[in-house]
Amino acid sequence: MSKIFYQFNQTTLTYDRIYVSLSQKIWVVFKQLIIGIGVGVLLFGIATYAFDSPHEKQLKKDNKLLLTQYEVLKRRIAENEKILSDLQQRDDLLYRAIFNADPIPEAIRRPGFGGTNRYENLMDMPNSDLVIATTRSLDIMTKELYAQSNSYDELIGLIKNKDERMKSIPAIVPISVKDKKQYSSGFGMRIHPLFGDWRMHTGLDITADAGTPIHATGDGVVEAASWEGGYGNRILINHGFGYESLYGHCKDMLVRPGQKVVRGQVIGTVGMTGIASGNHVHYEVLVKGKWDNPAKYFFMDLSPQDYDEVLYISENR
């Protein structure tokens, strides 16, 4: 049954019936429909913005998990890079020094990657900056590991004649040391204790009582055992493989030129001949004709902890 509408007539003070045309009915329905659709769209937009769908919730959860995994991977890469850096440093300063091998060039150890074209396929991925940075770090570490592997392969070749080489390397402390304070003057620039000027100290001074035995630090042949200016009585041993060792300010020289000596053999005694302010042995190591810090070659006589400490002392006194 259709509804009947009336309108109050103020002239006649009666209610007149209103007849609604079909077009008016259609317009009313259409208007209500438009309003309903508008309200529905508005409510849907608000709901979509304020509330995530199950699919969106899962995507956000997966994305958060992925970011967490990337952060964990990033930290692990940083930890592995530190371990690799330690291996590289030990390789250059210890292993390659032992075998008198040149360090790996920095350009090979630390390769670079220029431009962004290398990672162009990753730029459209979500969180592309993080993905590219992580991939780049992995690529660099892979290159560094390859260079380190090649270095170890080279060392393996040097080890093949290790017995003769190891016997020849000046790898022990030349006198008995009971207190690290006996390392009185390190390798490098210093103020000369007698002349007071700034000059290079080419060895390591180790104090001891007069007459303390001095030992050959590696197998070799005595090149010289004579007086030599400021060194006083000095003994020079050629160990082969590019190594030489020198022992200055000796009180007694117990070897002669041309004599073969072995590591640990007593070759002289501590004194203060030449230019010296007290009883000590001035000990030098030459590698391919160039002075090197003698403490670097004490690895056969010292524990790792003592080695690091003595190396630090020798470079900072």
Protein backbone atom coordinates (compact mmCIF):
# COMPACT_ATOMS: atom_id res chain seq x y z
CA MET A 1 0.00 0.00 0.00
CA SER A 2 1.49 3.33 -1.07
CA LYS A 3 1.83 6.21 1.33
CA ILE A 4 -0.47 9.25 1.02
CA PHE A 5 1.02 12.70 1.73
CA TYR A 6 -0.88 15.87 2.83
CA GLN A 7 0.07 19.53 3.06
CA PHE A 8 -1.58 22.12 5.36
CA ASN A 9 -3.32 24.93 3.49
CA GLN A 10 -3.13 28.13 5.52
CA THR A 11 -5.83 29.84 3.45
CA THR A 12 -8.53 27.25 3.86
CA LEU A 13 -7.14 25.92 7.10
CA THR A 14 -7.43 22.39 5.76
CA TYR A 15 -5.11 19.60 4.67
CA ASP A 16 -4.79 19.15 0.93
CA ARG A 17 -3.68 15.88 -0.52
CA ILE A 18 -0.37 15.92 -2.41
CA TYR A 19 -0.05 13.85 -5.51
CA VAL A 20 3.59 12.84 -6.26
CA SER A 21 4.52 12.31 -9.89
CA LEU A 22 6.55 9.37 -11.11
CA SER A 23 9.52 11.57 -11.99
CA GLN A 24 9.54 13.01 -8.48
CA LYS A 25 9.49 9.54 -7.02
CA ILE A 26 12.38 8.51 -9.25
CA TRP A 27 14.38 11.60 -8.23
CA VAL A 28 13.83 10.92 -4.53
CA VAL A 29 14.98 7.33 -4.94
CA PHE A 30 17.96 8.39 -7.03
CA LYS A 31 18.99 11.05 -4.50
CA GLN A 32 18.79 8.62 -1.62
CA LEU A 33 20.79 6.10 -3.61
CA ILE A 34 23.53 8.66 -4.34
CA ILE A 35 23.69 9.68 -0.69
CA GLY A 36 23.87 6.04 0.37
CA ILE A 37 26.66 5.29 -2.09
CA GLY A 38 28.59 8.40 -0.96
CA VAL A 39 28.27 7.46 2.70
CA GLY A 40 29.30 3.89 1.89
CA VAL A 41 32.40 5.01 -0.04
CA LEU A 42 33.34 7.38 2.78
CA LEU A 43 32.95 4.69 5.44
CA PHE A 44 34.91 2.20 3.30
CA GLY A 45 37.76 4.71 2.84
CA ILE A 46 37.90 5.39 6.58
CA ALA A 47 37.87 1.68 7.35
CA THR A 48 40.58 0.99 4.77
CA TYR A 49 42.81 3.75 6.14
CA ALA A 50 42.25 2.94 9.80
CA PHE A 51 42.20 -0.86 9.69
CA ASP A 52 44.46 -3.30 7.82
CA SER A 53 43.09 -6.22 5.96
CA PRO A 54 44.33 -9.70 6.94
CA HIS A 55 46.49 -9.71 3.80
CA GLU A 56 48.00 -6.30 4.65
CA LYS A 57 48.61 -7.38 8.22
CA GLN A 58 50.50 -10.44 6.98
CA LEU A 59 52.51 -8.33 4.51
CA LYS A 60 53.51 -5.88 7.25
CA LYS A 61 54.44 -8.76 9.53
CA ASP A 62 56.55 -10.35 6.79
CA ASN A 63 58.21 -7.01 6.00
CA LYS A 64 59.05 -6.41 9.65
CA LEU A 65 60.54 -9.91 9.91
CA LEU A 66 62.56 -9.32 6.73
CA LEU A 67 63.96 -6.03 8.08
CA THR A 68 64.91 -7.76 11.33
CA GLN A 69 66.71 -10.51 9.39
CA TYR A 70 68.58 -7.90 7.34
CA GLU A 71 69.67 -6.12 10.52
CA VAL A 72 70.92 -9.42 11.99
CA LEU A 73 72.74 -10.17 8.72
CA LYS A 74 74.23 -6.68 8.75
CA ARG A 75 75.60 -7.18 12.28
CA ARG A 76 77.01 -10.59 11.38
CA ILE A 77 78.72 -9.13 8.32
CA ALA A 78 80.26 -6.42 10.53
CA GLU A 79 81.49 -9.08 12.99
CA ASN A 80 82.96 -11.19 10.17
CA GLU A 81 84.61 -8.10 8.65
CA LYS A 82 86.34 -7.48 11.99
CA ILE A 83 87.55 -11.10 12.12
CA LEU A 84 88.76 -10.83 8.52
CA SER A 85 90.55 -7.56 9.32
CA ASP A 86 92.33 -9.26 12.23
CA LEU A 87 93.38 -12.11 9.93
CA GLN A 88 94.68 -9.63 7.36
CA GLN A 89 96.65 -7.72 9.97
CA ARG A 90 98.13 -10.91 11.42
CA ASP A 91 98.94 -12.08 7.90
CA ASP A 92 100.86 -8.88 7.06
CA LEU A 93 102.54 -8.25 10.42
CA LEU A 94 103.29 -11.81 11.49
CA TYR A 95 102.93 -14.59 8.94
CA ARG A 96 104.33 -12.70 5.95
CA ALA A 97 106.98 -11.07 8.16
CA ILE A 98 108.09 -14.53 9.27
CA PHE A 99 108.70 -15.56 5.67
CA ASN A 100 110.06 -12.17 4.59
CA ALA A 101 107.22 -11.79 2.09
CA ASP A 102 105.85 -8.43 0.95
CA PRO A 103 102.38 -7.48 2.27
CA ILE A 104 99.36 -7.83 -0.01
CA PRO A 105 98.73 -4.45 -1.74
CA GLU A 106 95.88 -2.46 -0.20
CA ALA A 107 94.15 -2.16 -3.60
CA ILE A 108 93.81 -5.97 -3.67
CA ARG A 109 92.88 -6.35 0.00
CA ARG A 110 90.26 -3.55 -0.12
CA PRO A 111 88.54 -3.74 -3.53
CA GLY A 112 86.00 -1.09 -4.46
CA PHE A 113 82.83 -1.16 -6.54
CA GLY A 114 82.10 1.90 -8.63
CA GLY A 115 78.69 3.13 -9.77
CA THR A 116 75.21 1.75 -9.10
CA ASN A 117 74.65 -0.24 -12.31
CA ARG A 118 75.97 -3.34 -10.57
CA TYR A 119 72.91 -3.35 -8.31
CA GLU A 120 70.36 -1.90 -10.74
CA ASN A 121 68.22 -5.05 -10.55
CA LEU A 122 67.78 -4.50 -6.81
CA MET A 123 66.54 -0.92 -6.99
CA ASP A 124 62.88 -1.88 -7.46
CA MET A 125 62.83 -4.09 -4.38
CA PRO A 126 61.21 -2.93 -1.12
CA ASN A 127 63.81 -1.30 1.19
CA SER A 128 66.19 -1.22 -1.77
CA ASP A 129 68.78 0.94 0.05
CA LEU A 130 69.18 -1.66 2.80
CA VAL A 131 69.25 -4.55 0.31
CA ILE A 132 71.89 -2.85 -1.88
CA ALA A 133 74.08 -1.88 1.10
CA THR A 134 73.98 -5.44 2.47
CA THR A 135 74.70 -6.99 -0.94
CA ARG A 136 77.58 -4.58 -1.48
CA SER A 137 79.10 -5.47 1.91
CA LEU A 138 78.85 -9.18 1.07
CA ASP A 139 80.50 -8.63 -2.33
CA ILE A 140 83.40 -6.70 -0.78
CA MET A 141 83.91 -9.31 1.92
CA THR A 142 83.87 -12.08 -0.69
CA LYS A 143 86.61 -10.28 -2.66
CA GLU A 144 88.67 -9.80 0.52
CA LEU A 145 88.27 -13.47 1.44
CA TYR A 146 89.46 -14.45 -2.04
CA ALA A 147 92.55 -12.23 -1.67
CA GLN A 148 93.23 -13.67 1.78
CA SER A 149 92.87 -17.21 0.44
CA ASN A 150 95.44 -16.44 -2.28
CA SER A 151 97.77 -15.03 0.37
CA TYR A 152 97.57 -18.27 2.36
CA ASP A 153 98.25 -20.25 -0.83
CA GLU A 154 101.42 -18.20 -1.29
CA LEU A 155 102.43 -18.83 2.32
CA ILE A 156 101.94 -22.56 1.80
CA GLY A 157 104.52 -22.37 -0.99
CA LEU A 158 106.94 -20.64 1.36
CA ILE A 159 106.34 -23.25 4.05
CA LYS A 160 107.62 -26.02 1.76
CA ASN A 161 111.19 -25.04 2.68
CA LYS A 162 110.09 -23.93 6.14
CA ASP A 163 112.62 -26.01 8.10
CA GLU A 164 115.67 -24.27 6.69
CA ARG A 165 113.95 -20.89 6.61
CA MET A 166 112.59 -21.17 10.15
CA LYS A 167 116.01 -22.07 11.52
CA SER A 168 117.47 -19.01 9.82
CA ILE A 169 114.93 -16.40 10.89
CA PRO A 170 116.21 -14.33 13.87
CA ALA A 171 113.22 -15.36 15.97
CA ILE A 172 114.30 -15.24 19.64
CA VAL A 173 115.35 -12.58 22.16
CA PRO A 174 119.18 -12.32 22.09
CA ILE A 175 119.59 -12.30 25.90
CA SER A 176 117.63 -13.63 28.84
CA VAL A 177 114.99 -11.09 29.91
CA LYS A 178 113.37 -11.38 33.35
CA ASP A 179 111.68 -7.96 33.44
CA LYS A 180 110.10 -6.08 30.54
CA LYS A 181 111.73 -2.90 31.92
CA GLN A 182 114.96 -4.26 30.40
CA TYR A 183 113.61 -3.11 27.02
CA SER A 184 115.05 0.35 27.52
CA SER A 185 114.89 1.96 24.09
CA GLY A 186 112.63 0.97 21.23
CA PHE A 187 112.81 1.04 17.46
CA GLY A 188 112.19 4.38 15.73
CA MET A 189 112.81 8.07 16.20
CA ARG A 190 114.00 9.11 19.67
CA ILE A 191 116.03 11.70 21.56
CA HIS A 192 119.56 10.32 21.85
CA PRO A 193 120.37 9.73 25.55
CA LEU A 194 123.93 11.10 25.22
CA PHE A 195 123.79 13.69 22.43
CA GLY A 196 120.28 14.97 23.19
CA ASP A 197 119.23 15.32 19.53
CA TRP A 198 116.33 13.72 17.66
CA ARG A 199 117.53 10.78 15.56
CA MET A 200 116.56 7.36 14.28
CA HIS A 201 117.21 4.41 16.58
CA THR A 202 117.68 1.46 14.26
CA GLY A 203 117.41 -1.33 16.82
CA LEU A 204 116.18 -2.34 20.25
CA ASP A 205 118.24 -1.79 23.41
CA ILE A 206 117.96 -4.50 26.07
CA THR A 207 119.74 -3.85 29.38
CA ALA A 208 121.51 -6.57 31.36
CA ASP A 209 124.46 -7.04 33.67
CA ALA A 210 127.91 -6.94 32.13
CA GLY A 211 128.99 -10.38 30.96
CA THR A 212 125.42 -11.65 30.33
CA PRO A 213 125.55 -14.16 27.45
CA ILE A 214 124.33 -12.98 24.03
CA HIS A 215 122.76 -15.67 21.84
CA ALA A 216 122.53 -15.90 18.06
CA THR A 217 118.86 -15.45 17.22
CA GLY A 218 118.92 -17.70 14.16
CA ASP A 219 121.18 -20.00 12.15
CA GLY A 220 123.65 -18.22 9.90
CA VAL A 221 127.20 -17.21 9.12
CA VAL A 222 129.14 -14.51 10.99
CA GLU A 223 129.91 -11.69 8.56
CA ALA A 224 131.77 -9.45 10.99
CA ALA A 225 133.01 -9.48 14.58
CA SER A 226 134.98 -6.29 15.14
CA TRP A 227 134.93 -2.72 16.42
CA GLU A 228 132.53 -0.48 14.50
CA GLY A 229 132.29 3.17 15.60
CA GLY A 230 129.39 3.88 17.97
CA TYR A 231 128.49 0.19 18.06
CA GLY A 232 131.75 -0.65 19.79
CA ASN A 233 132.33 -4.37 19.57
CA ARG A 234 129.66 -5.58 17.22
CA ILE A 235 128.76 -8.93 15.69
CA LEU A 236 126.93 -9.17 12.35
CA ILE A 237 125.31 -12.45 11.28
CA ASN A 238 123.93 -13.22 7.81
CA HIS A 239 121.02 -15.67 8.19
CA GLY A 240 120.16 -15.98 4.49
CA PHE A 241 116.68 -15.45 2.98
CA GLY A 242 117.32 -11.70 3.25
CA TYR A 243 117.80 -11.64 7.06
CA GLU A 244 120.70 -10.19 9.02
CA SER A 245 121.11 -9.50 12.75
CA LEU A 246 123.53 -7.18 14.56
CA TYR A 247 124.62 -7.20 18.22
CA GLY A 248 126.31 -4.03 19.45
CA HIS A 249 128.26 -2.82 22.54
CA CYS A 250 129.55 -6.33 23.25
CA LYS A 251 132.07 -6.81 26.04
CA ASP A 252 133.40 -10.06 24.57
CA MET A 253 133.05 -11.43 21.02
CA LEU A 254 133.22 -15.22 21.02
CA VAL A 255 132.90 -15.85 17.26
CA ARG A 256 134.92 -14.96 14.17
CA PRO A 257 133.99 -13.97 10.60
CA GLY A 258 133.01 -16.92 8.41
CA GLN A 259 132.00 -19.06 11.37
CA LYS A 260 128.66 -20.88 11.16
CA VAL A 261 126.39 -20.43 14.16
CA VAL A 262 123.05 -21.91 15.21
CA ARG A 263 120.12 -20.32 17.01
CA GLY A 264 120.75 -20.09 20.75
CA GLN A 265 124.55 -20.35 20.47
CA VAL A 266 126.46 -17.91 22.73
CA ILE A 267 128.30 -15.49 20.45
CA GLY A 268 129.33 -12.78 22.92
CA THR A 269 128.60 -11.03 26.22
CA VAL A 270 126.83 -7.82 27.20
CA GLY A 271 128.98 -4.72 27.69
CA MET A 272 129.01 -0.97 27.06
CA THR A 273 131.69 -0.58 24.41
CA GLY A 274 131.32 2.21 21.85
CA ILE A 275 128.79 4.98 22.52
CA ALA A 276 126.68 3.59 25.36
CA SER A 277 125.28 4.96 28.61
CA GLY A 278 125.15 1.58 30.37
CA ASN A 279 125.49 -2.15 29.94
CA HIS A 280 123.12 -3.36 27.24
CA VAL A 281 122.96 -5.08 23.89
CA HIS A 282 121.92 -2.97 20.92
CA TYR A 283 120.10 -5.50 18.73
CA GLU A 284 119.16 -4.90 15.10
CA VAL A 285 117.36 -6.95 12.45
CA LEU A 286 117.80 -6.10 8.77
CA VAL A 287 115.43 -7.48 6.15
CA LYS A 288 116.57 -7.16 2.55
CA GLY A 289 119.05 -4.52 3.67
CA LYS A 290 116.49 -2.40 5.55
CA TRP A 291 116.11 -2.03 9.31
CA ASP A 292 113.00 -3.55 10.84
CA ASN A 293 111.64 -3.60 14.38
CA PRO A 294 113.47 -6.54 16.03
CA ALA A 295 110.58 -7.21 18.43
CA LYS A 296 108.48 -8.39 15.46
CA TYR A 297 110.71 -11.46 15.30
CA PHE A 298 110.48 -12.56 18.95
CA PHE A 299 107.50 -14.80 18.17
CA MET A 300 109.41 -18.01 18.94
CA ASP A 301 110.41 -16.88 22.43
CA LEU A 302 107.26 -15.20 23.74
CA SER A 303 103.64 -16.07 24.44
CA PRO A 304 101.09 -14.23 22.26
CA GLN A 305 100.26 -11.88 25.13
CA ASP A 306 103.92 -11.11 25.90
CA TYR A 307 104.64 -10.76 22.18
CA ASP A 308 101.94 -8.10 21.77
CA GLU A 309 103.16 -6.27 24.90
CA VAL A 310 106.83 -6.28 23.90
CA LEU A 311 105.91 -5.18 20.37
CA TYR A 312 103.96 -2.27 21.85
CA ILE A 313 106.87 -1.33 24.15
CA SER A 314 109.36 -1.48 21.30
CA GLU A 315 107.26 0.86 19.16
CA ASN A 316 106.49 3.41 21.87
CA ARG A 317 109.74 3.90 23.81
